Protein backbone atom coordinates (compact mmCIF):
# COMPACT_ATOMS: atom_id res chain seq x y z
CA MET A 1 1.75 3.66 24.24
CA ILE A 2 0.89 0.96 21.66
CA ARG A 3 0.71 -2.52 23.18
CA ARG A 4 2.10 -5.35 21.09
CA ALA A 5 0.05 -8.39 20.17
CA GLY A 6 1.37 -11.87 20.93
CA THR A 7 3.42 -13.67 18.31
CA ARG A 8 0.60 -16.17 17.72
CA ARG A 9 -1.37 -13.36 16.10
CA HIS A 10 1.23 -12.75 13.37
CA GLN A 11 -0.43 -15.12 10.92
CA ALA A 12 -4.01 -14.28 11.95
CA ASP A 13 -3.45 -10.56 11.38
CA LEU A 14 -1.79 -10.89 7.98
CA ARG A 15 -4.18 -9.70 5.32
CA LEU A 16 -4.38 -11.15 1.83
CA GLY A 17 -4.00 -7.69 0.29
CA SER A 18 -0.92 -6.91 2.38
CA TYR A 19 0.78 -10.10 1.25
CA TYR A 20 -0.14 -9.51 -2.40
CA ARG A 21 1.17 -5.93 -2.34
CA TRP A 22 4.42 -7.00 -0.67
CA VAL A 23 5.15 -9.60 -3.39
CA LEU A 24 4.08 -7.22 -6.16
CA THR A 25 6.00 -4.17 -4.93
CA THR A 26 9.11 -6.32 -4.48
CA ALA A 27 8.81 -7.29 -8.14
CA LEU A 28 8.21 -3.69 -9.28
CA TRP A 29 10.86 -2.09 -7.06
CA PRO A 30 13.56 -4.68 -6.34
CA ALA A 31 14.60 -4.45 -2.71
CA GLU A 32 17.67 -2.49 -1.76
CA GLN A 33 19.32 -2.03 1.61
CA THR A 34 16.93 0.28 3.42
CA ALA A 35 18.77 3.34 4.73
CA GLY A 36 17.32 6.18 6.72
CA ARG A 37 13.83 6.56 8.13
CA VAL A 38 10.84 4.89 6.49
CA LEU A 39 7.17 5.67 7.16
CA ASP A 40 4.37 3.31 6.11
CA LEU A 41 0.98 5.01 6.31
CA GLY A 42 -1.98 2.68 6.79
CA CYS A 43 0.35 -0.08 7.95
CA HIS A 44 -2.17 -2.17 9.98
CA SER A 45 0.20 -4.81 11.47
CA GLY A 46 3.31 -3.47 9.73
CA PHE A 47 3.91 -6.61 7.64
CA TRP A 48 5.23 -4.71 4.60
CA LEU A 49 7.65 -2.68 6.76
CA HIS A 50 8.85 -5.75 8.59
CA GLN A 51 9.74 -7.46 5.29
CA GLN A 52 12.00 -4.66 4.09
CA PRO A 53 15.79 -5.18 4.04
CA GLY A 54 17.61 -4.16 7.18
CA GLY A 55 19.42 -0.89 7.64
CA ASP A 56 20.41 1.66 10.22
CA GLY A 57 17.23 3.66 9.90
CA THR A 58 13.94 3.69 11.77
CA ARG A 59 10.75 2.03 10.57
CA VAL A 60 7.54 3.80 11.58
CA GLY A 61 4.06 2.40 10.96
CA CYS A 62 0.97 4.62 11.22
CA ASP A 63 -2.69 3.65 11.23
CA LEU A 64 -5.95 4.37 13.03
CA ASP A 65 -6.47 0.61 13.46
CA LEU A 66 -3.07 -0.66 14.55
CA VAL A 67 -2.13 -4.24 15.35
CA ALA A 68 1.33 -3.93 16.91
CA ILE A 69 3.16 -7.20 16.23
CA TYR A 70 6.76 -6.57 15.19
CA SER A 71 9.46 -5.38 17.56
CA ASP A 72 11.44 -3.63 14.79
CA ILE A 73 8.62 -1.17 14.06
CA GLN A 74 7.66 2.00 15.91
CA TYR A 75 3.85 2.13 15.85
CA VAL A 76 2.02 5.45 15.92
CA LYS A 77 -1.75 5.75 15.98
CA CYS A 78 -2.64 8.83 13.96
CA ASP A 79 -4.61 10.32 11.08
CA GLY A 80 -2.75 10.42 7.77
CA CYS A 81 -3.91 14.00 7.20
CA TRP A 82 -2.27 15.14 10.46
CA LEU A 83 1.05 13.35 10.86
CA PRO A 84 2.79 13.98 14.23
CA PHE A 85 6.27 14.24 12.73
CA ALA A 86 8.63 17.12 12.02
CA THR A 87 9.10 18.41 8.49
CA GLY A 88 11.69 16.43 6.54
CA SER A 89 11.69 13.46 8.95
CA PHE A 90 11.68 10.56 6.46
CA ASP A 91 13.65 9.23 3.52
CA LEU A 92 10.79 7.12 2.14
CA CYS A 93 7.03 7.17 2.71
CA THR A 94 4.63 4.49 1.53
CA ALA A 95 0.84 4.17 1.52
CA TRP A 96 -0.50 0.96 -0.02
CA ASP A 97 -4.19 1.18 -0.99
CA VAL A 98 -4.87 4.02 1.45
CA LEU A 99 -5.46 7.20 -0.55
CA GLU A 100 -8.77 6.08 -2.08
CA HIS A 101 -10.25 5.78 1.44
CA VAL A 102 -9.31 9.31 2.54
CA PRO A 103 -11.94 12.04 2.00
CA ASP A 104 -9.29 14.80 1.91
CA ASP A 105 -6.74 13.10 -0.32
CA GLN A 106 -4.98 16.40 -0.98
CA ALA A 107 -4.31 16.88 2.74
CA MET A 108 -2.79 13.41 2.96
CA LEU A 109 -0.46 14.02 0.01
CA ARG A 110 0.57 17.39 1.45
CA GLU A 111 1.46 15.70 4.73
CA LEU A 112 3.47 12.98 2.99
CA SER A 113 5.35 15.66 1.08
CA ARG A 114 5.94 17.69 4.25
CA VAL A 115 7.47 14.85 6.28
CA LEU A 116 9.74 13.72 3.42
CA ARG A 117 13.20 15.21 3.12
CA PRO A 118 13.89 17.12 -0.15
CA GLY A 119 14.70 14.82 -3.05
CA SER A 120 13.18 11.71 -1.45
CA CYS A 121 10.05 9.91 -2.60
CA ALA A 122 6.71 8.44 -1.66
CA ARG A 123 5.35 5.21 -3.13
CA LEU A 124 1.63 4.54 -3.30
CA SER A 125 -0.81 2.02 -4.67
CA VAL A 126 -4.44 2.72 -5.52
CA PRO A 127 -7.07 0.92 -7.60
CA HIS A 128 -7.59 2.20 -11.12
CA LYS A 129 -10.77 4.27 -11.20
CA HIS A 130 -12.25 1.81 -13.69
CA ILE A 131 -11.08 -1.38 -12.00
CA ALA A 132 -13.24 -4.35 -12.94
CA ALA A 133 -13.48 -7.82 -11.51
CA PHE A 134 -13.87 -10.87 -13.67
CA PRO A 135 -16.61 -11.79 -14.24
CA PRO A 136 -17.78 -8.14 -14.31
CA PHE A 137 -20.90 -8.70 -12.18
CA LEU A 138 -18.56 -9.19 -9.19
CA THR A 139 -17.25 -5.61 -9.43
CA PRO A 140 -19.86 -4.03 -7.06
CA TRP A 141 -19.13 -6.77 -4.53
CA LEU A 142 -15.41 -6.05 -4.88
CA HIS A 143 -15.94 -2.36 -4.07
CA ARG A 144 -18.01 -3.26 -1.00
CA ARG A 145 -15.41 -5.80 0.09
CA TRP A 146 -12.65 -3.21 -0.19
CA GLN A 147 -14.81 -0.53 1.51
CA HIS A 148 -14.68 1.90 -1.41
CA SER A 149 -17.24 4.26 0.08
CA VAL A 150 -15.24 7.46 -0.63
CA ARG A 151 -14.05 6.68 -4.17
CA THR A 152 -13.32 3.59 -6.24
CA GLY A 153 -9.89 4.73 -7.34
CA TYR A 154 -8.04 7.12 -9.66
CA THR A 155 -6.92 7.46 -13.24
CA PRO A 156 -3.19 8.03 -13.87
CA SER A 157 -3.85 11.64 -14.87
CA GLU A 158 -5.82 12.30 -11.68
CA ILE A 159 -2.97 10.99 -9.52
CA GLN A 160 -0.46 13.06 -11.47
CA SER A 161 -2.50 16.26 -11.03
CA LEU A 162 -2.99 15.62 -7.30
CA ALA A 163 0.70 14.96 -6.78
CA ARG A 164 1.91 18.07 -8.58
CA ALA A 165 -0.61 20.26 -6.74
CA ASN A 166 0.49 18.98 -3.35
CA GLY A 167 4.26 19.17 -3.11
CA PHE A 168 5.63 16.61 -5.57
CA ALA A 169 7.72 17.50 -8.60
CA GLU A 170 7.50 14.23 -10.48
CA CYS A 171 5.02 11.37 -10.69
CA ARG A 172 5.97 8.03 -12.24
CA GLY A 173 3.03 5.67 -12.51
CA ILE A 174 2.69 2.00 -13.38
CA ALA A 175 -0.83 1.02 -14.43
CA LEU A 176 -0.99 -2.75 -14.13
CA LYS A 177 -3.72 -4.82 -15.73
CA ALA A 178 -3.52 -7.27 -12.79
CA PRO A 179 -5.69 -9.83 -14.63
CA TRP A 180 -4.91 -12.72 -12.28
CA PHE A 181 -5.77 -10.82 -9.12
CA ARG A 182 -9.03 -9.51 -10.59
CA SER A 183 -10.03 -12.94 -11.87
CA LEU A 184 -9.03 -15.07 -8.89
CA TYR A 185 -9.64 -12.75 -5.95
CA LEU A 186 -12.80 -14.52 -4.77
CA ALA A 187 -11.20 -17.97 -4.92
CA ALA A 188 -8.02 -16.69 -3.29
CA SER A 189 -10.03 -15.09 -0.46
CA LEU A 190 -11.77 -18.37 0.28
CA LEU A 191 -8.49 -20.31 0.24
CA TRP A 192 -6.85 -17.69 2.48
CA ARG A 193 -9.53 -18.31 5.12
CA ILE A 194 -9.26 -22.08 4.88
CA SER A 195 -5.46 -22.41 4.79
CA GLN A 196 -3.24 -19.36 4.93
CA PRO A 197 -0.04 -21.25 3.89
CA ALA A 198 -1.82 -22.45 0.75
CA GLY A 199 -3.29 -18.98 0.31
CA ARG A 200 0.16 -17.42 0.49
CA ARG A 201 1.46 -19.72 -2.23
CA LEU A 202 -1.45 -18.87 -4.49
CA ILE A 203 -1.23 -15.10 -3.84
CA ALA A 204 2.53 -15.11 -4.46
CA ALA A 205 1.99 -16.84 -7.81
CA ILE A 206 -0.80 -14.39 -8.72
CA ALA A 207 1.33 -11.35 -7.81
CA ARG A 208 4.30 -12.52 -9.87
CA ARG A 209 2.10 -13.21 -12.88
CA ASP A 210 0.44 -9.81 -12.53
CA ALA A 211 3.84 -8.08 -12.36
CA ALA A 212 4.70 -9.72 -15.69
CA ALA A 213 1.27 -9.25 -17.31
CA GLY A 214 1.90 -5.73 -18.55
CA ARG A 215 0.17 -2.41 -18.28
CA GLY A 216 -3.42 -1.45 -18.90
CA PRO A 217 -6.60 -0.04 -17.38
CA LYS A 218 -9.13 -1.72 -15.08
CA GLY A 219 -6.43 -2.89 -12.68
CA LEU A 220 -4.11 -1.26 -10.15
CA LEU A 221 -1.90 1.83 -10.09
CA PHE A 222 1.52 1.87 -8.44
CA VAL A 223 3.02 5.33 -8.19
CA GLU A 224 6.35 6.84 -7.19
CA LEU A 225 6.21 10.53 -6.27
CA GLN A 226 9.41 12.58 -6.11
CA LYS A 227 9.48 15.46 -3.67
CA ARG A 228 10.60 18.85 -4.87
């Protein structure tokens, strides 16, 4: 049984990256009424799931390092390569900045495909393989900060090949330049620690600008994978 943290921990356990990805994914995939069962792999506290529009379905958050905060989420501690769910259990699966940390990335994609019902989709984010901070000398620090010990990221063609080899029929990728995030990450991290309300305002502005900044390498990949 997963014990829930007190409500005072909601703000303390919200990560800068989780907030940025929520604002950015909302801009990329405008929210619709969530129907059916949704699985978020690597959910941590479940912030992204909690922010999704209501519906009649179930929200399930999985992680090896769970912080159970929200009462509307079913938390499951598990490995993403061995999901304890029946085949075809979910209508949508998400994994935001998770795949690059998994040694057996093919196993994780196979599991996501297995637990999705036919015709449904998974949405992922990963760093571009050639992501670069600005100024460039901060890039090694960025990889250490984000714990990129397995791999630094993927190219769009690598993601497409992985997806098609592991149960997905179609891969639609958005390669964002994300210039504001790459340039202001250090400053935003410091502000986030000092004042999270101010940090949220800055991160929201950065995410919206990045969503409008266009496509290109050295940034972030957001991918929608359609199951066969």
